[in-house]
ModelCIF file with pLDDT and N, C-alpha, C, O atoms, coordinates in Angstrom:
data_MODEL
#
_entry.id   MODEL 
#
_entity.id                         1 
_entity.type                       polymer 
_entity.pdbx_number_of_molecules   1 
#
_entity_poly.entity_id                      1 
_entity_poly.type                           'polypeptide(L)' 
_entity_poly.nstd_linkage                   no 
_entity_poly.nstd_monomer                   no 
_entity_poly.pdbx_seq_one_letter_code       
;(UNK)(UNK)(UNK)(UNK)(UNK)(UNK)(UNK)(UNK)(UNK)(UNK)(UNK)(UNK)(UNK)(UNK)(UNK)(UNK)
(UNK)(UNK)(UNK)(UNK)(UNK)(UNK)(UNK)(UNK)(UNK)(UNK)(UNK)(UNK)(UNK)(UNK)(UNK)(UNK)
(UNK)
;
_entity_poly.pdbx_seq_one_letter_code_can   XXXXXXXXXXXXXXXXXXXXXXXXXXXXXXXXX 
_entity_poly.pdbx_strand_id                 A 
#
loop_
_entity_poly_seq.entity_id 
_entity_poly_seq.num 
_entity_poly_seq.mon_id 
_entity_poly_seq.hetero 
1 1  UNK n 
1 2  UNK n 
1 3  UNK n 
1 4  UNK n 
1 5  UNK n 
1 6  UNK n 
1 7  UNK n 
1 8  UNK n 
1 9  UNK n 
1 10 UNK n 
1 11 UNK n 
1 12 UNK n 
1 13 UNK n 
1 14 UNK n 
1 15 UNK n 
1 16 UNK n 
1 17 UNK n 
1 18 UNK n 
1 19 UNK n 
1 20 UNK n 
1 21 UNK n 
1 22 UNK n 
1 23 UNK n 
1 24 UNK n 
1 25 UNK n 
1 26 UNK n 
1 27 UNK n 
1 28 UNK n 
1 29 UNK n 
1 30 UNK n 
1 31 UNK n 
1 32 UNK n 
1 33 UNK n 
#
_struct_asym.id          A 
_struct_asym.entity_id   1 
#
loop_
_ma_qa_metric.id 
_ma_qa_metric.mode 
_ma_qa_metric.name 
_ma_qa_metric.software_group_id 
_ma_qa_metric.type 
1 global pLDDT . pLDDT 
2 local  pLDDT . pLDDT 
#
_ma_qa_metric_global.metric_id      1 
_ma_qa_metric_global.metric_value   88.00 
_ma_qa_metric_global.model_id       1 
_ma_qa_metric_global.ordinal_id     1 
#
loop_
_ma_qa_metric_local.label_asym_id 
_ma_qa_metric_local.label_comp_id 
_ma_qa_metric_local.label_seq_id 
_ma_qa_metric_local.metric_id 
_ma_qa_metric_local.metric_value 
_ma_qa_metric_local.model_id 
_ma_qa_metric_local.ordinal_id 
A UNK 1  2 90.00 1 1  
A UNK 2  2 88.00 1 2  
A UNK 3  2 89.00 1 3  
A UNK 4  2 89.00 1 4  
A UNK 5  2 87.00 1 5  
A UNK 6  2 88.00 1 6  
A UNK 7  2 88.00 1 7  
A UNK 8  2 88.00 1 8  
A UNK 9  2 90.00 1 9  
A UNK 10 2 92.00 1 10 
A UNK 11 2 92.00 1 11 
A UNK 12 2 93.00 1 12 
A UNK 13 2 91.00 1 13 
A UNK 14 2 92.00 1 14 
A UNK 15 2 91.00 1 15 
A UNK 16 2 89.00 1 16 
A UNK 17 2 89.00 1 17 
A UNK 18 2 89.00 1 18 
A UNK 19 2 85.00 1 19 
A UNK 20 2 82.00 1 20 
A UNK 21 2 80.00 1 21 
A UNK 22 2 72.00 1 22 
A UNK 23 2 71.00 1 23 
A UNK 24 2 77.00 1 24 
A UNK 25 2 86.00 1 25 
A UNK 26 2 90.00 1 26 
A UNK 27 2 90.00 1 27 
A UNK 28 2 84.00 1 28 
A UNK 29 2 93.00 1 29 
A UNK 30 2 95.00 1 30 
A UNK 31 2 94.00 1 31 
A UNK 32 2 94.00 1 32 
A UNK 33 2 96.00 1 33 
#
loop_
_atom_site.group_PDB 
_atom_site.id 
_atom_site.type_symbol 
_atom_site.label_atom_id 
_atom_site.label_alt_id 
_atom_site.label_comp_id 
_atom_site.label_asym_id 
_atom_site.label_entity_id 
_atom_site.label_seq_id 
_atom_site.pdbx_PDB_ins_code 
_atom_site.Cartn_x 
_atom_site.Cartn_y 
_atom_site.Cartn_z 
_atom_site.occupancy 
_atom_site.B_iso_or_equiv 
_atom_site.pdbx_formal_charge 
_atom_site.auth_seq_id 
_atom_site.auth_comp_id 
_atom_site.auth_asym_id 
_atom_site.auth_atom_id 
_atom_site.pdbx_PDB_model_num 
ATOM 1   N N  . UNK A 1 1  ? 128.184 73.634 103.663 1.00 90.00 ? 1  UNK A N  1 
ATOM 2   C CA . UNK A 1 1  ? 127.297 74.494 102.870 1.00 90.00 ? 1  UNK A CA 1 
ATOM 3   C C  . UNK A 1 1  ? 126.103 74.900 103.738 1.00 90.00 ? 1  UNK A C  1 
ATOM 4   O O  . UNK A 1 1  ? 125.235 74.078 104.033 1.00 90.00 ? 1  UNK A O  1 
ATOM 5   N N  . UNK A 1 2  ? 126.068 76.148 104.137 1.00 88.00 ? 2  UNK A N  1 
ATOM 6   C CA . UNK A 1 2  ? 125.012 76.621 105.031 1.00 88.00 ? 2  UNK A CA 1 
ATOM 7   C C  . UNK A 1 2  ? 123.623 76.541 104.406 1.00 88.00 ? 2  UNK A C  1 
ATOM 8   O O  . UNK A 1 2  ? 122.630 76.377 105.113 1.00 88.00 ? 2  UNK A O  1 
ATOM 9   N N  . UNK A 1 3  ? 123.554 76.658 103.083 1.00 89.00 ? 3  UNK A N  1 
ATOM 10  C CA . UNK A 1 3  ? 122.255 76.676 102.408 1.00 89.00 ? 3  UNK A CA 1 
ATOM 11  C C  . UNK A 1 3  ? 121.823 75.302 101.906 1.00 89.00 ? 3  UNK A C  1 
ATOM 12  O O  . UNK A 1 3  ? 120.898 75.198 101.100 1.00 89.00 ? 3  UNK A O  1 
ATOM 13  N N  . UNK A 1 4  ? 122.487 74.249 102.376 1.00 89.00 ? 4  UNK A N  1 
ATOM 14  C CA . UNK A 1 4  ? 122.124 72.902 101.926 1.00 89.00 ? 4  UNK A CA 1 
ATOM 15  C C  . UNK A 1 4  ? 120.665 72.595 102.261 1.00 89.00 ? 4  UNK A C  1 
ATOM 16  O O  . UNK A 1 4  ? 120.182 72.920 103.345 1.00 89.00 ? 4  UNK A O  1 
ATOM 17  N N  . UNK A 1 5  ? 119.972 71.965 101.311 1.00 87.00 ? 5  UNK A N  1 
ATOM 18  C CA . UNK A 1 5  ? 118.544 71.693 101.426 1.00 87.00 ? 5  UNK A CA 1 
ATOM 19  C C  . UNK A 1 5  ? 118.331 70.227 101.797 1.00 87.00 ? 5  UNK A C  1 
ATOM 20  O O  . UNK A 1 5  ? 118.859 69.336 101.132 1.00 87.00 ? 5  UNK A O  1 
ATOM 21  N N  . UNK A 1 6  ? 117.562 69.973 102.852 1.00 88.00 ? 6  UNK A N  1 
ATOM 22  C CA . UNK A 1 6  ? 117.237 68.603 103.242 1.00 88.00 ? 6  UNK A CA 1 
ATOM 23  C C  . UNK A 1 6  ? 116.208 68.018 102.282 1.00 88.00 ? 6  UNK A C  1 
ATOM 24  O O  . UNK A 1 6  ? 115.157 68.615 102.050 1.00 88.00 ? 6  UNK A O  1 
ATOM 25  N N  . UNK A 1 7  ? 116.513 66.854 101.727 1.00 88.00 ? 7  UNK A N  1 
ATOM 26  C CA . UNK A 1 7  ? 115.619 66.211 100.765 1.00 88.00 ? 7  UNK A CA 1 
ATOM 27  C C  . UNK A 1 7  ? 114.762 65.186 101.501 1.00 88.00 ? 7  UNK A C  1 
ATOM 28  O O  . UNK A 1 7  ? 115.291 64.270 102.130 1.00 88.00 ? 7  UNK A O  1 
ATOM 29  N N  . UNK A 1 8  ? 113.448 65.338 101.425 1.00 88.00 ? 8  UNK A N  1 
ATOM 30  C CA . UNK A 1 8  ? 112.549 64.464 102.168 1.00 88.00 ? 8  UNK A CA 1 
ATOM 31  C C  . UNK A 1 8  ? 112.294 63.140 101.452 1.00 88.00 ? 8  UNK A C  1 
ATOM 32  O O  . UNK A 1 8  ? 111.920 62.153 102.085 1.00 88.00 ? 8  UNK A O  1 
ATOM 33  N N  . UNK A 1 9  ? 112.495 63.117 100.144 1.00 90.00 ? 9  UNK A N  1 
ATOM 34  C CA . UNK A 1 9  ? 112.180 61.921 99.363  1.00 90.00 ? 9  UNK A CA 1 
ATOM 35  C C  . UNK A 1 9  ? 113.160 61.795 98.200  1.00 90.00 ? 9  UNK A C  1 
ATOM 36  O O  . UNK A 1 9  ? 113.373 62.751 97.454  1.00 90.00 ? 9  UNK A O  1 
ATOM 37  N N  . UNK A 1 10 ? 113.748 60.627 98.050  1.00 92.00 ? 10 UNK A N  1 
ATOM 38  C CA . UNK A 1 10 ? 114.637 60.327 96.931  1.00 92.00 ? 10 UNK A CA 1 
ATOM 39  C C  . UNK A 1 10 ? 114.222 58.998 96.336  1.00 92.00 ? 10 UNK A C  1 
ATOM 40  O O  . UNK A 1 10 ? 113.606 58.173 97.011  1.00 92.00 ? 10 UNK A O  1 
ATOM 41  N N  . UNK A 1 11 ? 114.561 58.785 95.061  1.00 92.00 ? 11 UNK A N  1 
ATOM 42  C CA . UNK A 1 11 ? 114.353 57.452 94.527  1.00 92.00 ? 11 UNK A CA 1 
ATOM 43  C C  . UNK A 1 11 ? 115.636 56.642 94.714  1.00 92.00 ? 11 UNK A C  1 
ATOM 44  O O  . UNK A 1 11 ? 116.682 57.181 95.073  1.00 92.00 ? 11 UNK A O  1 
ATOM 45  N N  . UNK A 1 12 ? 115.530 55.340 94.463  1.00 93.00 ? 12 UNK A N  1 
ATOM 46  C CA . UNK A 1 12 ? 116.666 54.452 94.724  1.00 93.00 ? 12 UNK A CA 1 
ATOM 47  C C  . UNK A 1 12 ? 117.924 54.890 93.984  1.00 93.00 ? 12 UNK A C  1 
ATOM 48  O O  . UNK A 1 12 ? 119.015 54.895 94.554  1.00 93.00 ? 12 UNK A O  1 
ATOM 49  N N  . UNK A 1 13 ? 117.767 55.266 92.688  1.00 91.00 ? 13 UNK A N  1 
ATOM 50  C CA . UNK A 1 13 ? 118.926 55.609 91.883  1.00 91.00 ? 13 UNK A CA 1 
ATOM 51  C C  . UNK A 1 13 ? 119.632 56.849 92.417  1.00 91.00 ? 13 UNK A C  1 
ATOM 52  O O  . UNK A 1 13 ? 120.861 56.902 92.458  1.00 91.00 ? 13 UNK A O  1 
ATOM 53  N N  . UNK A 1 14 ? 118.853 57.841 92.825  1.00 92.00 ? 14 UNK A N  1 
ATOM 54  C CA . UNK A 1 14 ? 119.459 59.059 93.365  1.00 92.00 ? 14 UNK A CA 1 
ATOM 55  C C  . UNK A 1 14 ? 120.267 58.751 94.618  1.00 92.00 ? 14 UNK A C  1 
ATOM 56  O O  . UNK A 1 14 ? 121.401 59.208 94.757  1.00 92.00 ? 14 UNK A O  1 
ATOM 57  N N  . UNK A 1 15 ? 119.689 57.983 95.526  1.00 91.00 ? 15 UNK A N  1 
ATOM 58  C CA . UNK A 1 15 ? 120.387 57.651 96.772  1.00 91.00 ? 15 UNK A CA 1 
ATOM 59  C C  . UNK A 1 15 ? 121.646 56.840 96.502  1.00 91.00 ? 15 UNK A C  1 
ATOM 60  O O  . UNK A 1 15 ? 122.676 57.055 97.140  1.00 91.00 ? 15 UNK A O  1 
ATOM 61  N N  . UNK A 1 16 ? 121.563 55.903 95.552  1.00 89.00 ? 16 UNK A N  1 
ATOM 62  C CA . UNK A 1 16 ? 122.720 55.073 95.230  1.00 89.00 ? 16 UNK A CA 1 
ATOM 63  C C  . UNK A 1 16 ? 123.855 55.907 94.642  1.00 89.00 ? 16 UNK A C  1 
ATOM 64  O O  . UNK A 1 16 ? 125.015 55.727 95.014  1.00 89.00 ? 16 UNK A O  1 
ATOM 65  N N  . UNK A 1 17 ? 123.527 56.816 93.729  1.00 89.00 ? 17 UNK A N  1 
ATOM 66  C CA . UNK A 1 17 ? 124.554 57.645 93.106  1.00 89.00 ? 17 UNK A CA 1 
ATOM 67  C C  . UNK A 1 17 ? 125.185 58.600 94.115  1.00 89.00 ? 17 UNK A C  1 
ATOM 68  O O  . UNK A 1 17 ? 126.405 58.767 94.121  1.00 89.00 ? 17 UNK A O  1 
ATOM 69  N N  . UNK A 1 18 ? 124.381 59.224 94.960  1.00 89.00 ? 18 UNK A N  1 
ATOM 70  C CA . UNK A 1 18 ? 124.930 60.129 95.967  1.00 89.00 ? 18 UNK A CA 1 
ATOM 71  C C  . UNK A 1 18 ? 125.836 59.379 96.940  1.00 89.00 ? 18 UNK A C  1 
ATOM 72  O O  . UNK A 1 18 ? 126.869 59.906 97.355  1.00 89.00 ? 18 UNK A O  1 
ATOM 73  N N  . UNK A 1 19 ? 125.460 58.158 97.305  1.00 85.00 ? 19 UNK A N  1 
ATOM 74  C CA . UNK A 1 19 ? 126.277 57.356 98.221  1.00 85.00 ? 19 UNK A CA 1 
ATOM 75  C C  . UNK A 1 19 ? 127.600 56.969 97.566  1.00 85.00 ? 19 UNK A C  1 
ATOM 76  O O  . UNK A 1 19 ? 128.655 57.016 98.200  1.00 85.00 ? 19 UNK A O  1 
ATOM 77  N N  . UNK A 1 20 ? 127.533 56.586 96.297  1.00 82.00 ? 20 UNK A N  1 
ATOM 78  C CA . UNK A 1 20 ? 128.742 56.148 95.597  1.00 82.00 ? 20 UNK A CA 1 
ATOM 79  C C  . UNK A 1 20 ? 129.713 57.308 95.413  1.00 82.00 ? 20 UNK A C  1 
ATOM 80  O O  . UNK A 1 20 ? 130.928 57.136 95.506  1.00 82.00 ? 20 UNK A O  1 
ATOM 81  N N  . UNK A 1 21 ? 129.163 58.491 95.151  1.00 80.00 ? 21 UNK A N  1 
ATOM 82  C CA . UNK A 1 21 ? 130.006 59.630 94.829  1.00 80.00 ? 21 UNK A CA 1 
ATOM 83  C C  . UNK A 1 21 ? 130.255 60.571 96.000  1.00 80.00 ? 21 UNK A C  1 
ATOM 84  O O  . UNK A 1 21 ? 130.468 61.766 95.796  1.00 80.00 ? 21 UNK A O  1 
ATOM 85  N N  . UNK A 1 22 ? 130.232 60.056 97.209  1.00 72.00 ? 22 UNK A N  1 
ATOM 86  C CA . UNK A 1 22 ? 130.778 60.836 98.303  1.00 72.00 ? 22 UNK A CA 1 
ATOM 87  C C  . UNK A 1 22 ? 129.857 61.234 99.427  1.00 72.00 ? 22 UNK A C  1 
ATOM 88  O O  . UNK A 1 22 ? 130.347 61.686 100.462 1.00 72.00 ? 22 UNK A O  1 
ATOM 89  N N  . UNK A 1 23 ? 128.535 61.094 99.290  1.00 71.00 ? 23 UNK A N  1 
ATOM 90  C CA . UNK A 1 23 ? 127.644 61.402 100.417 1.00 71.00 ? 23 UNK A CA 1 
ATOM 91  C C  . UNK A 1 23 ? 127.701 60.220 101.381 1.00 71.00 ? 23 UNK A C  1 
ATOM 92  O O  . UNK A 1 23 ? 127.026 59.213 101.167 1.00 71.00 ? 23 UNK A O  1 
ATOM 93  N N  . UNK A 1 24 ? 128.486 60.333 102.418 1.00 77.00 ? 24 UNK A N  1 
ATOM 94  C CA . UNK A 1 24 ? 128.789 59.184 103.288 1.00 77.00 ? 24 UNK A CA 1 
ATOM 95  C C  . UNK A 1 24 ? 127.657 58.922 104.276 1.00 77.00 ? 24 UNK A C  1 
ATOM 96  O O  . UNK A 1 24 ? 127.849 58.949 105.491 1.00 77.00 ? 24 UNK A O  1 
ATOM 97  N N  . UNK A 1 25 ? 126.488 58.672 103.728 1.00 86.00 ? 25 UNK A N  1 
ATOM 98  C CA . UNK A 1 25 ? 125.324 58.407 104.567 1.00 86.00 ? 25 UNK A CA 1 
ATOM 99  C C  . UNK A 1 25 ? 124.980 56.927 104.549 1.00 86.00 ? 25 UNK A C  1 
ATOM 100 O O  . UNK A 1 25 ? 124.556 56.373 105.563 1.00 86.00 ? 25 UNK A O  1 
ATOM 101 N N  . UNK A 1 26 ? 125.162 56.283 103.396 1.00 90.00 ? 26 UNK A N  1 
ATOM 102 C CA . UNK A 1 26 ? 124.843 54.865 103.242 1.00 90.00 ? 26 UNK A CA 1 
ATOM 103 C C  . UNK A 1 26 ? 126.044 54.098 102.721 1.00 90.00 ? 26 UNK A C  1 
ATOM 104 O O  . UNK A 1 26 ? 126.856 54.636 101.968 1.00 90.00 ? 26 UNK A O  1 
ATOM 105 N N  . UNK A 1 27 ? 126.154 52.849 103.122 1.00 90.00 ? 27 UNK A N  1 
ATOM 106 C CA . UNK A 1 27 ? 127.082 51.937 102.450 1.00 90.00 ? 27 UNK A CA 1 
ATOM 107 C C  . UNK A 1 27 ? 126.637 51.836 100.989 1.00 90.00 ? 27 UNK A C  1 
ATOM 108 O O  . UNK A 1 27 ? 125.442 51.687 100.731 1.00 90.00 ? 27 UNK A O  1 
ATOM 109 N N  . UNK A 1 28 ? 127.563 51.912 100.026 1.00 84.00 ? 28 UNK A N  1 
ATOM 110 C CA . UNK A 1 28 ? 127.160 51.960 98.612  1.00 84.00 ? 28 UNK A CA 1 
ATOM 111 C C  . UNK A 1 28 ? 126.374 50.763 98.119  1.00 84.00 ? 28 UNK A C  1 
ATOM 112 O O  . UNK A 1 28 ? 125.708 50.856 97.088  1.00 84.00 ? 28 UNK A O  1 
ATOM 113 N N  . UNK A 1 29 ? 126.429 49.622 98.830  1.00 93.00 ? 29 UNK A N  1 
ATOM 114 C CA . UNK A 1 29 ? 125.680 48.440 98.394  1.00 93.00 ? 29 UNK A CA 1 
ATOM 115 C C  . UNK A 1 29 ? 124.324 48.313 99.094  1.00 93.00 ? 29 UNK A C  1 
ATOM 116 O O  . UNK A 1 29 ? 123.647 47.295 98.948  1.00 93.00 ? 29 UNK A O  1 
ATOM 117 N N  . UNK A 1 30 ? 123.931 49.324 99.842  1.00 95.00 ? 30 UNK A N  1 
ATOM 118 C CA . UNK A 1 30 ? 122.668 49.263 100.578 1.00 95.00 ? 30 UNK A CA 1 
ATOM 119 C C  . UNK A 1 30 ? 121.458 49.242 99.647  1.00 95.00 ? 30 UNK A C  1 
ATOM 120 O O  . UNK A 1 30 ? 120.501 48.508 99.893  1.00 95.00 ? 30 UNK A O  1 
ATOM 121 N N  . UNK A 1 31 ? 121.494 50.032 98.597  1.00 94.00 ? 31 UNK A N  1 
ATOM 122 C CA . UNK A 1 31 ? 120.317 50.231 97.751  1.00 94.00 ? 31 UNK A CA 1 
ATOM 123 C C  . UNK A 1 31 ? 119.954 49.039 96.856  1.00 94.00 ? 31 UNK A C  1 
ATOM 124 O O  . UNK A 1 31 ? 118.772 48.698 96.793  1.00 94.00 ? 31 UNK A O  1 
ATOM 125 N N  . UNK A 1 32 ? 120.898 48.382 96.159  1.00 94.00 ? 32 UNK A N  1 
ATOM 126 C CA . UNK A 1 32 ? 120.506 47.352 95.177  1.00 94.00 ? 32 UNK A CA 1 
ATOM 127 C C  . UNK A 1 32 ? 119.569 46.270 95.684  1.00 94.00 ? 32 UNK A C  1 
ATOM 128 O O  . UNK A 1 32 ? 118.581 45.989 95.005  1.00 94.00 ? 32 UNK A O  1 
ATOM 129 N N  . UNK A 1 33 ? 119.812 45.632 96.847  1.00 96.00 ? 33 UNK A N  1 
ATOM 130 C CA . UNK A 1 33 ? 118.868 44.590 97.287  1.00 96.00 ? 33 UNK A CA 1 
ATOM 131 C C  . UNK A 1 33 ? 117.480 45.131 97.596  1.00 96.00 ? 33 UNK A C  1 
ATOM 132 O O  . UNK A 1 33 ? 116.591 44.370 97.975  1.00 96.00 ? 33 UNK A O  1 
#
C-alpha cells in the first residue's frame, strides 16, 4: 500500500491486536508482560 501511514504512537492494545492479526512486526506475546 503506497499510501500507508506510519504511526508514531500506539497503545498496548492496538499493537497487540495488529500483531495478532497479521502485522508481522512483533511476536504476539510481546505486549502482555
